[in-house]
Amino acid sequence: MFIINYAVWFEAGRTDFFAKIRLSIGQIEESDVLLPLYEMNCRFKSPARYEDEIIVKTKLDSIAKVRVIFSYQVINASNQKILATGKTMHAWTNKHLKPINAEA
């Protein structure tokens, strides 16, 4: 069950990342481009507790013709302790989930 929380937090971090560069996932999808998740990893360092306020720091690790990789740090807001780190790997695809070259 806990991994689900981290996956949701990673997604929220990505959404915020795109918002900060003034681009929404919806805008990307309107151009018939999708970024489906094909792999995720998460390394747990310390537990998050119910009602903890957390911060998700999201970084674009790499962007290539066919994939994008993001990295994350989940941090306890009250003591700045790193709770988890992770990565998500996404493919550039069309709406039919066929890989596309994002540089084309």
C-alpha atoms as a PDB file:
ATOM      1  CA  MET A   1       0.000   0.000   0.000  1.00  0.00           C
ATOM      2  CA  PHE A   2       2.804   2.446   0.804  1.00  0.00           C
ATOM      3  CA  ILE A   3       4.348   2.220  -2.668  1.00  0.00           C
ATOM      4  CA  ILE A   4       1.071   3.535  -4.052  1.00  0.00           C
ATOM      5  CA  ASN A   5       1.475   6.704  -1.986  1.00  0.00           C
ATOM      6  CA  TYR A   6       4.972   7.278  -3.345  1.00  0.00           C
ATOM      7  CA  ALA A   7       3.815   6.703  -6.933  1.00  0.00           C
ATOM      8  CA  VAL A   8       1.077   9.298  -6.407  1.00  0.00           C
ATOM      9  CA  TRP A   9       3.559  11.692  -4.802  1.00  0.00           C
ATOM     10  CA  PHE A  10       5.963  11.235  -7.724  1.00  0.00           C
ATOM     11  CA  GLU A  11       3.115  12.010 -10.132  1.00  0.00           C
ATOM     12  CA  ALA A  12       2.226  15.130  -8.151  1.00  0.00           C
ATOM     13  CA  GLY A  13       5.886  16.160  -8.300  1.00  0.00           C
ATOM     14  CA  ARG A  14       5.940  15.728 -12.090  1.00  0.00           C
ATOM     15  CA  THR A  15       2.713  17.691 -12.465  1.00  0.00           C
ATOM     16  CA  ASP A  16       4.175  20.511 -10.380  1.00  0.00           C
ATOM     17  CA  PHE A  17       7.434  20.335 -12.367  1.00  0.00           C
ATOM     18  CA  PHE A  18       5.545  20.881 -15.625  1.00  0.00           C
ATOM     19  CA  ALA A  19       3.422  23.646 -14.083  1.00  0.00           C
ATOM     20  CA  LYS A  20       6.569  25.516 -13.032  1.00  0.00           C
ATOM     21  CA  ILE A  21       7.774  25.546 -16.646  1.00  0.00           C
ATOM     22  CA  ARG A  22       4.295  26.652 -17.717  1.00  0.00           C
ATOM     23  CA  LEU A  23       3.382  23.401 -19.420  1.00  0.00           C
ATOM     24  CA  SER A  24       0.646  21.036 -18.355  1.00  0.00           C
ATOM     25  CA  ILE A  25       0.295  17.337 -19.010  1.00  0.00           C
ATOM     26  CA  GLY A  26      -3.041  18.238 -20.609  1.00  0.00           C
ATOM     27  CA  GLN A  27      -1.307  20.540 -23.099  1.00  0.00           C
ATOM     28  CA  ILE A  28       1.112  17.768 -24.016  1.00  0.00           C
ATOM     29  CA  GLU A  29      -1.728  15.280 -24.458  1.00  0.00           C
ATOM     30  CA  GLU A  30      -3.708  17.765 -26.602  1.00  0.00           C
ATOM     31  CA  SER A  31      -0.883  17.521 -29.139  1.00  0.00           C
ATOM     32  CA  ASP A  32      -1.446  13.721 -29.216  1.00  0.00           C
ATOM     33  CA  VAL A  33       1.755  13.053 -27.266  1.00  0.00           C
ATOM     34  CA  LEU A  34       1.721  10.891 -24.146  1.00  0.00           C
ATOM     35  CA  LEU A  35       4.394  10.172 -21.545  1.00  0.00           C
ATOM     36  CA  PRO A  36       3.380   6.777 -20.163  1.00  0.00           C
ATOM     37  CA  LEU A  37       5.328   5.392 -17.251  1.00  0.00           C
ATOM     38  CA  TYR A  38       7.278   2.263 -18.121  1.00  0.00           C
ATOM     39  CA  GLU A  39       9.447   1.893 -15.022  1.00  0.00           C
ATOM     40  CA  MET A  40       9.593   3.252 -11.494  1.00  0.00           C
ATOM     41  CA  ASN A  41      11.890   2.648  -8.569  1.00  0.00           C
ATOM     42  CA  CYS A  42      11.749   3.893  -5.026  1.00  0.00           C
ATOM     43  CA  ARG A  43      14.274   3.579  -2.222  1.00  0.00           C
ATOM     44  CA  PHE A  44      12.768   3.977   1.234  1.00  0.00           C
ATOM     45  CA  LYS A  45      14.980   5.674   3.802  1.00  0.00           C
ATOM     46  CA  SER A  46      12.630   6.560   6.641  1.00  0.00           C
ATOM     47  CA  PRO A  47       8.873   6.129   7.132  1.00  0.00           C
ATOM     48  CA  ALA A  48       6.358   8.838   6.425  1.00  0.00           C
ATOM     49  CA  ARG A  49       3.726   8.944   9.138  1.00  0.00           C
ATOM     50  CA  TYR A  50       0.060   9.769   8.936  1.00  0.00           C
ATOM     51  CA  GLU A  51      -0.468  13.550   8.792  1.00  0.00           C
ATOM     52  CA  ASP A  52       3.209  14.278   8.058  1.00  0.00           C
ATOM     53  CA  GLU A  53       3.607  17.193   5.700  1.00  0.00           C
ATOM     54  CA  ILE A  54       5.906  16.181   2.888  1.00  0.00           C
ATOM     55  CA  ILE A  55       7.822  17.940   0.145  1.00  0.00           C
ATOM     56  CA  VAL A  56       8.487  16.249  -3.182  1.00  0.00           C
ATOM     57  CA  LYS A  57      11.528  17.602  -5.018  1.00  0.00           C
ATOM     58  CA  THR A  58      11.438  16.659  -8.689  1.00  0.00           C
ATOM     59  CA  LYS A  59      14.329  16.900 -11.127  1.00  0.00           C
ATOM     60  CA  LEU A  60      14.525  16.171 -14.837  1.00  0.00           C
ATOM     61  CA  ASP A  61      17.387  13.671 -15.024  1.00  0.00           C
ATOM     62  CA  SER A  62      17.480  13.170 -18.760  1.00  0.00           C
ATOM     63  CA  ILE A  63      15.467  13.786 -21.862  1.00  0.00           C
ATOM     64  CA  ALA A  64      16.094  11.929 -25.093  1.00  0.00           C
ATOM     65  CA  LYS A  65      14.384  11.253 -28.406  1.00  0.00           C
ATOM     66  CA  VAL A  66      12.200   8.471 -27.030  1.00  0.00           C
ATOM     67  CA  ARG A  67      12.300   8.755 -23.228  1.00  0.00           C
ATOM     68  CA  VAL A  68      12.319  11.054 -20.213  1.00  0.00           C
ATOM     69  CA  ILE A  69      13.668  10.236 -16.749  1.00  0.00           C
ATOM     70  CA  PHE A  70      12.707  12.113 -13.591  1.00  0.00           C
ATOM     71  CA  SER A  71      14.230  11.731 -10.113  1.00  0.00           C
ATOM     72  CA  TYR A  72      12.563  12.525  -6.802  1.00  0.00           C
ATOM     73  CA  GLN A  73      13.287  13.183  -3.160  1.00  0.00           C
ATOM     74  CA  VAL A  74      10.425  12.868  -0.686  1.00  0.00           C
ATOM     75  CA  ILE A  75      11.261  14.982   2.358  1.00  0.00           C
ATOM     76  CA  ASN A  76       9.602  15.445   5.745  1.00  0.00           C
ATOM     77  CA  ALA A  77       8.736  19.161   5.802  1.00  0.00           C
ATOM     78  CA  SER A  78       9.154  19.569   9.565  1.00  0.00           C
ATOM     79  CA  ASN A  79      12.658  18.133   9.946  1.00  0.00           C
ATOM     80  CA  GLN A  80      13.955  18.048   6.334  1.00  0.00           C
ATOM     81  CA  LYS A  81      14.706  14.327   6.643  1.00  0.00           C
ATOM     82  CA  ILE A  82      14.761  12.457   3.331  1.00  0.00           C
ATOM     83  CA  LEU A  83      12.058   9.800   3.475  1.00  0.00           C
ATOM     84  CA  ALA A  84      12.561   8.268   0.043  1.00  0.00           C
ATOM     85  CA  THR A  85      14.256   8.749  -3.298  1.00  0.00           C
ATOM     86  CA  GLY A  86      13.139   7.448  -6.648  1.00  0.00           C
ATOM     87  CA  LYS A  87      13.061   7.625 -10.408  1.00  0.00           C
ATOM     88  CA  THR A  88      10.395   7.297 -13.057  1.00  0.00           C
ATOM     89  CA  MET A  89      11.068   6.469 -16.677  1.00  0.00           C
ATOM     90  CA  HIS A  90       8.615   7.565 -19.363  1.00  0.00           C
ATOM     91  CA  ALA A  91       8.403   6.977 -23.089  1.00  0.00           C
ATOM     92  CA  TRP A  92       7.323   9.552 -25.660  1.00  0.00           C
ATOM     93  CA  THR A  93       4.381   7.948 -27.486  1.00  0.00           C
ATOM     94  CA  ASN A  94       1.451   8.877 -29.657  1.00  0.00           C
ATOM     95  CA  LYS A  95      -2.120   8.394 -28.436  1.00  0.00           C
ATOM     96  CA  HIS A  96      -1.952   4.753 -29.612  1.00  0.00           C
ATOM     97  CA  LEU A  97       1.088   4.197 -27.331  1.00  0.00           C
ATOM     98  CA  LYS A  98       3.437   3.789 -30.270  1.00  0.00           C
ATOM     99  CA  PRO A  99       6.895   5.263 -29.552  1.00  0.00           C
ATOM    100  CA  ILE A 100       7.646   8.569 -31.238  1.00  0.00           C
ATOM    101  CA  ASN A 101      10.778  10.630 -31.687  1.00  0.00           C
ATOM    102  CA  ALA A 102      10.248  13.747 -29.582  1.00  0.00           C
ATOM    103  CA  GLU A 103      12.953  15.627 -31.466  1.00  0.00           C
ATOM    104  CA  ALA A 104      11.238  15.202 -34.830  1.00  0.00           C
END
